Amino acid sequence: MTGTAPRTRPPGPRVLIATAVPAERDAVASGLSGATSEGAPAADLLVAGVGPAAAAAATAHALATAAAGGTPYDLVVSAGIGGGFKPAAPVGSLVVADAITVADLGAETPDGFLPVTELGFGRVTHEPPAALVAALAAATGAAAGTVLTVSTVTGSAERAAALLARHPRALAEAMEGFGVAEAAAARGLPVLEVRAISNPVGPRDRAAWRIGDALAALTEAFGKFTPVLESWNRHDWHD
């Protein structure tokens, strides 16, 4: 509004962390709860919904609202659980994306799938800041690699193999990362994606899922998030 002074920004970076569901949000919040230092990031948690469209819309709205209120975000994070490609990302492990790639945006052809970029428009990958990815992976013991965004979760060995053939560096799949990344990119903001592995990518076997273990891994990861971000902010941040 006219005449309203912007609120004072906190000393650390402002971070928006988007999850799909409340259980993921709560796991992240538990990990962040011990962050009390002066330079700690100011983290807001958003339950953005399931799937790339819901994630993009909710994240874009949150970013626009914050900017309009004079407290824009500096970093956007997509966080939650996801499926892991065996053997590189076993159940209970953690993955940090060095590439966030939408796997099913394109066209089916007689010769196979063509990503939208090969049709002459759009983009299919966002690359998080390499230094931050490396630091977070080192601090948490996470593997760094491609995290795929899909609108339909993989449910067969054949599709899992096809995805790996097209994306040999893929470690995990989930449903929101690319949507969150698109919203961040529209604001010129860097993005991260952090996934704790709850199940293997492939045939659906609910008995083999370990959602509780994955949520615990997510909490542990975000317990180590704050000092990593403080260090990155001091050495690599540019206003």
Protein backbone atom coordinates (compact mmCIF):
# COMPACT_ATOMS: atom_id res chain seq x y z
CA MET A 1 0.00 0.00 0.00
CA THR A 2 1.14 3.57 -0.63
CA GLY A 3 3.00 5.06 2.30
CA THR A 4 3.67 1.74 4.02
CA ALA A 5 7.34 1.24 4.92
CA PRO A 6 8.88 -2.17 4.17
CA ARG A 7 9.40 -4.38 7.18
CA THR A 8 12.96 -4.79 8.42
CA ARG A 9 14.64 -7.80 6.88
CA PRO A 10 16.21 -10.37 9.20
CA PRO A 11 20.03 -10.72 9.11
CA GLY A 12 19.93 -14.16 7.48
CA PRO A 13 18.42 -15.10 4.13
CA ARG A 14 14.67 -15.59 3.84
CA VAL A 15 13.77 -19.08 2.67
CA LEU A 16 10.47 -20.51 1.47
CA ILE A 17 10.27 -24.29 1.91
CA ALA A 18 7.44 -25.93 -0.02
CA THR A 19 6.19 -29.41 0.77
CA ALA A 20 3.30 -31.35 -0.73
CA VAL A 21 1.56 -32.47 2.47
CA PRO A 22 1.46 -31.51 6.17
CA ALA A 23 3.46 -34.56 7.32
CA GLU A 24 6.43 -33.40 5.23
CA ARG A 25 6.07 -29.84 6.51
CA ASP A 26 6.08 -31.08 10.09
CA ALA A 27 9.19 -33.19 9.50
CA VAL A 28 11.03 -30.17 8.07
CA ALA A 29 9.82 -27.96 10.92
CA SER A 30 11.15 -30.43 13.48
CA GLY A 31 14.58 -30.28 11.89
CA LEU A 32 14.62 -26.49 11.77
CA SER A 33 13.38 -26.02 15.32
CA GLY A 34 16.87 -25.71 16.83
CA ALA A 35 18.01 -22.86 14.55
CA THR A 36 18.42 -19.84 16.83
CA SER A 37 21.66 -18.10 15.80
CA GLU A 38 21.64 -14.47 14.68
CA GLY A 39 22.41 -15.31 11.07
CA ALA A 40 19.95 -18.19 10.86
CA PRO A 41 17.71 -18.17 7.81
CA ALA A 42 14.14 -17.04 8.28
CA ALA A 43 12.28 -20.07 6.96
CA ASP A 44 8.59 -20.13 6.11
CA LEU A 45 6.92 -23.48 5.46
CA LEU A 46 4.28 -23.89 2.77
CA VAL A 47 2.03 -26.89 2.15
CA ALA A 48 1.74 -26.42 -1.60
CA GLY A 49 -0.26 -29.49 -2.61
CA VAL A 50 0.46 -32.58 -4.67
CA GLY A 51 1.72 -32.36 -8.24
CA PRO A 52 3.64 -29.79 -10.28
CA ALA A 53 0.68 -27.55 -11.09
CA ALA A 54 -0.47 -27.16 -7.48
CA ALA A 55 3.13 -26.69 -6.33
CA ALA A 56 3.81 -24.00 -8.93
CA ALA A 57 0.61 -22.09 -8.22
CA ALA A 58 0.96 -22.11 -4.43
CA THR A 59 4.66 -21.25 -4.52
CA ALA A 60 4.14 -18.41 -7.01
CA HIS A 61 1.39 -16.96 -4.82
CA ALA A 62 3.56 -17.13 -1.69
CA LEU A 63 6.50 -15.49 -3.45
CA ALA A 64 4.35 -12.70 -4.87
CA THR A 65 2.68 -12.04 -1.51
CA ALA A 66 6.04 -11.81 0.26
CA ALA A 67 7.50 -9.49 -2.36
CA ALA A 68 4.44 -7.23 -2.22
CA GLY A 69 4.77 -7.05 1.56
CA GLY A 70 8.39 -5.91 1.39
CA THR A 71 9.89 -9.19 2.65
CA PRO A 72 10.87 -11.09 -0.49
CA TYR A 73 12.47 -14.50 -0.30
CA ASP A 74 16.08 -15.23 -1.22
CA LEU A 75 15.85 -18.98 -1.77
CA VAL A 76 13.09 -21.50 -2.51
CA VAL A 77 13.27 -25.16 -1.47
CA SER A 78 11.12 -28.08 -2.57
CA ALA A 79 11.27 -30.71 0.17
CA GLY A 80 9.63 -34.00 0.93
CA ILE A 81 9.77 -37.73 0.43
CA GLY A 82 10.01 -39.52 -2.90
CA GLY A 83 10.88 -42.65 -4.76
CA GLY A 84 14.51 -43.67 -5.24
CA PHE A 85 16.14 -45.38 -8.20
CA LYS A 86 17.93 -48.54 -7.14
CA PRO A 87 20.70 -49.06 -6.26
CA ALA A 88 21.92 -45.47 -6.10
CA ALA A 89 19.19 -44.14 -3.78
CA PRO A 90 18.00 -46.83 -1.36
CA VAL A 91 15.03 -46.46 0.97
CA GLY A 92 15.89 -44.23 3.92
CA SER A 93 18.61 -42.32 2.08
CA LEU A 94 18.66 -38.63 1.19
CA VAL A 95 19.00 -36.95 -2.20
CA VAL A 96 19.81 -33.33 -3.04
CA ALA A 97 19.06 -32.31 -6.61
CA ASP A 98 21.81 -30.84 -8.73
CA ALA A 99 19.27 -30.88 -11.57
CA ILE A 100 15.49 -30.65 -11.26
CA THR A 101 14.04 -32.18 -14.41
CA VAL A 102 10.46 -32.69 -15.51
CA ALA A 103 10.36 -36.18 -17.00
CA ASP A 104 6.99 -36.31 -18.73
CA LEU A 105 6.53 -32.88 -20.31
CA GLY A 106 6.66 -33.49 -24.04
CA ALA A 107 5.19 -35.79 -26.66
CA GLU A 108 5.02 -39.48 -27.38
CA THR A 109 6.17 -40.35 -30.91
CA PRO A 110 6.62 -43.60 -32.86
CA ASP A 111 10.33 -43.29 -32.02
CA GLY A 112 9.76 -42.71 -28.31
CA PHE A 113 9.30 -39.78 -25.94
CA LEU A 114 10.39 -36.29 -26.97
CA PRO A 115 10.86 -33.66 -24.24
CA VAL A 116 9.21 -30.32 -24.84
CA THR A 117 12.58 -28.73 -25.58
CA GLU A 118 13.00 -30.99 -28.62
CA LEU A 119 9.63 -29.75 -29.85
CA GLY A 120 11.15 -26.28 -29.98
CA PHE A 121 9.91 -24.56 -26.84
CA GLY A 122 9.91 -24.56 -23.06
CA ARG A 123 12.50 -25.96 -20.68
CA VAL A 124 12.76 -29.20 -18.76
CA THR A 125 15.56 -28.61 -16.23
CA HIS A 126 16.48 -26.15 -13.50
CA GLU A 127 19.94 -26.28 -11.94
CA PRO A 128 20.27 -25.36 -8.24
CA PRO A 129 23.39 -23.46 -7.05
CA ALA A 130 26.25 -25.95 -7.32
CA ALA A 131 28.12 -24.70 -4.23
CA LEU A 132 25.03 -24.96 -2.05
CA VAL A 133 24.17 -28.43 -3.37
CA ALA A 134 27.69 -29.65 -2.66
CA ALA A 135 27.74 -28.17 0.84
CA LEU A 136 24.35 -29.58 1.77
CA ALA A 137 25.19 -33.01 0.39
CA ALA A 138 28.44 -33.06 2.36
CA ALA A 139 26.75 -31.96 5.59
CA THR A 140 23.89 -34.45 5.38
CA GLY A 141 25.51 -37.40 3.65
CA ALA A 142 23.05 -37.03 0.79
CA ALA A 143 23.71 -38.14 -2.76
CA ALA A 144 23.61 -35.36 -5.36
CA GLY A 145 22.04 -36.01 -8.73
CA THR A 146 18.98 -35.47 -10.88
CA VAL A 147 15.56 -35.50 -9.24
CA LEU A 148 12.77 -36.12 -11.72
CA THR A 149 9.38 -34.49 -11.49
CA VAL A 150 6.49 -36.62 -12.77
CA SER A 151 2.75 -36.08 -12.93
CA THR A 152 2.15 -39.83 -12.78
CA VAL A 153 4.20 -41.81 -10.27
CA THR A 154 6.11 -44.73 -11.78
CA GLY A 155 4.45 -48.07 -11.11
CA SER A 156 6.32 -50.56 -13.27
CA ALA A 157 9.85 -51.81 -13.81
CA GLU A 158 9.54 -50.97 -17.51
CA ARG A 159 8.81 -47.31 -16.91
CA ALA A 160 11.54 -47.07 -14.28
CA ALA A 161 14.01 -48.48 -16.80
CA ALA A 162 12.79 -46.08 -19.49
CA LEU A 163 13.24 -43.10 -17.19
CA LEU A 164 16.76 -44.16 -16.30
CA ALA A 165 17.58 -44.68 -19.97
CA ARG A 166 16.53 -41.08 -20.70
CA HIS A 167 17.99 -39.68 -17.46
CA PRO A 168 20.98 -41.82 -16.44
CA ARG A 169 21.89 -39.49 -13.53
CA ALA A 170 18.42 -39.72 -11.99
CA LEU A 171 18.41 -40.64 -8.31
CA ALA A 172 14.81 -39.95 -7.34
CA GLU A 173 11.38 -39.02 -8.59
CA ALA A 174 8.72 -36.89 -6.96
CA MET A 175 5.82 -34.75 -8.11
CA GLU A 176 6.49 -31.13 -7.13
CA GLY A 177 10.11 -30.02 -7.68
CA PHE A 178 9.81 -28.68 -11.21
CA GLY A 179 6.67 -26.72 -10.36
CA VAL A 180 8.39 -25.10 -7.38
CA ALA A 181 11.44 -24.39 -9.53
CA GLU A 182 9.35 -22.74 -12.26
CA ALA A 183 7.79 -20.40 -9.70
CA ALA A 184 11.21 -19.56 -8.27
CA ALA A 185 12.70 -18.93 -11.70
CA ALA A 186 9.88 -16.54 -12.57
CA ARG A 187 11.11 -14.40 -9.65
CA GLY A 188 14.79 -14.85 -10.47
CA LEU A 189 15.35 -16.90 -7.32
CA PRO A 190 17.60 -19.93 -6.77
CA VAL A 191 15.95 -23.23 -5.90
CA LEU A 192 16.87 -26.43 -4.09
CA GLU A 193 15.16 -29.81 -3.97
CA VAL A 194 15.69 -32.21 -1.06
CA ARG A 195 14.12 -35.69 -1.07
CA ALA A 196 14.17 -38.46 1.51
CA ILE A 197 13.57 -41.85 -0.09
CA SER A 198 10.49 -43.71 1.10
CA ASN A 199 10.19 -46.38 -1.61
CA PRO A 200 11.92 -47.74 -4.70
CA VAL A 201 10.90 -46.40 -8.10
CA GLY A 202 9.17 -49.23 -9.93
CA PRO A 203 6.37 -51.70 -9.18
CA ARG A 204 4.13 -50.35 -6.42
CA ASP A 205 4.55 -52.37 -3.25
CA ARG A 206 3.04 -50.49 -0.32
CA ALA A 207 4.38 -53.07 2.10
CA ALA A 208 7.92 -52.05 1.15
CA TRP A 209 7.37 -48.34 1.73
CA ARG A 210 9.10 -46.77 4.72
CA ILE A 211 7.40 -43.41 5.03
CA GLY A 212 8.25 -43.00 8.71
CA ASP A 213 11.93 -43.64 8.05
CA ALA A 214 11.91 -41.17 5.18
CA LEU A 215 10.26 -38.45 7.28
CA ALA A 216 12.85 -39.04 10.01
CA ALA A 217 15.61 -38.66 7.42
CA LEU A 218 14.00 -35.42 6.24
CA THR A 219 13.99 -34.08 9.81
CA GLU A 220 17.65 -35.02 10.25
CA ALA A 221 18.57 -33.32 6.99
CA PHE A 222 16.93 -30.04 7.90
CA GLY A 223 18.57 -30.16 11.29
CA LYS A 224 21.81 -29.60 9.34
CA PHE A 225 20.33 -27.14 6.85
CA THR A 226 20.75 -23.92 8.83
CA PRO A 227 24.56 -23.91 9.32
CA VAL A 228 25.04 -24.83 5.66
CA LEU A 229 22.87 -21.96 4.52
CA GLU A 230 24.54 -19.54 6.94
CA SER A 231 27.95 -20.44 5.51
CA TRP A 232 26.73 -20.18 1.92
CA ASN A 233 25.13 -16.84 2.67
CA ARG A 234 28.38 -15.42 4.09
CA HIS A 235 30.63 -16.54 1.26
CA ASP A 236 28.50 -16.76 -1.86
CA TRP A 237 25.46 -14.54 -1.50
CA HIS A 238 25.18 -11.47 -3.72
CA ASP A 239 22.43 -8.92 -3.10
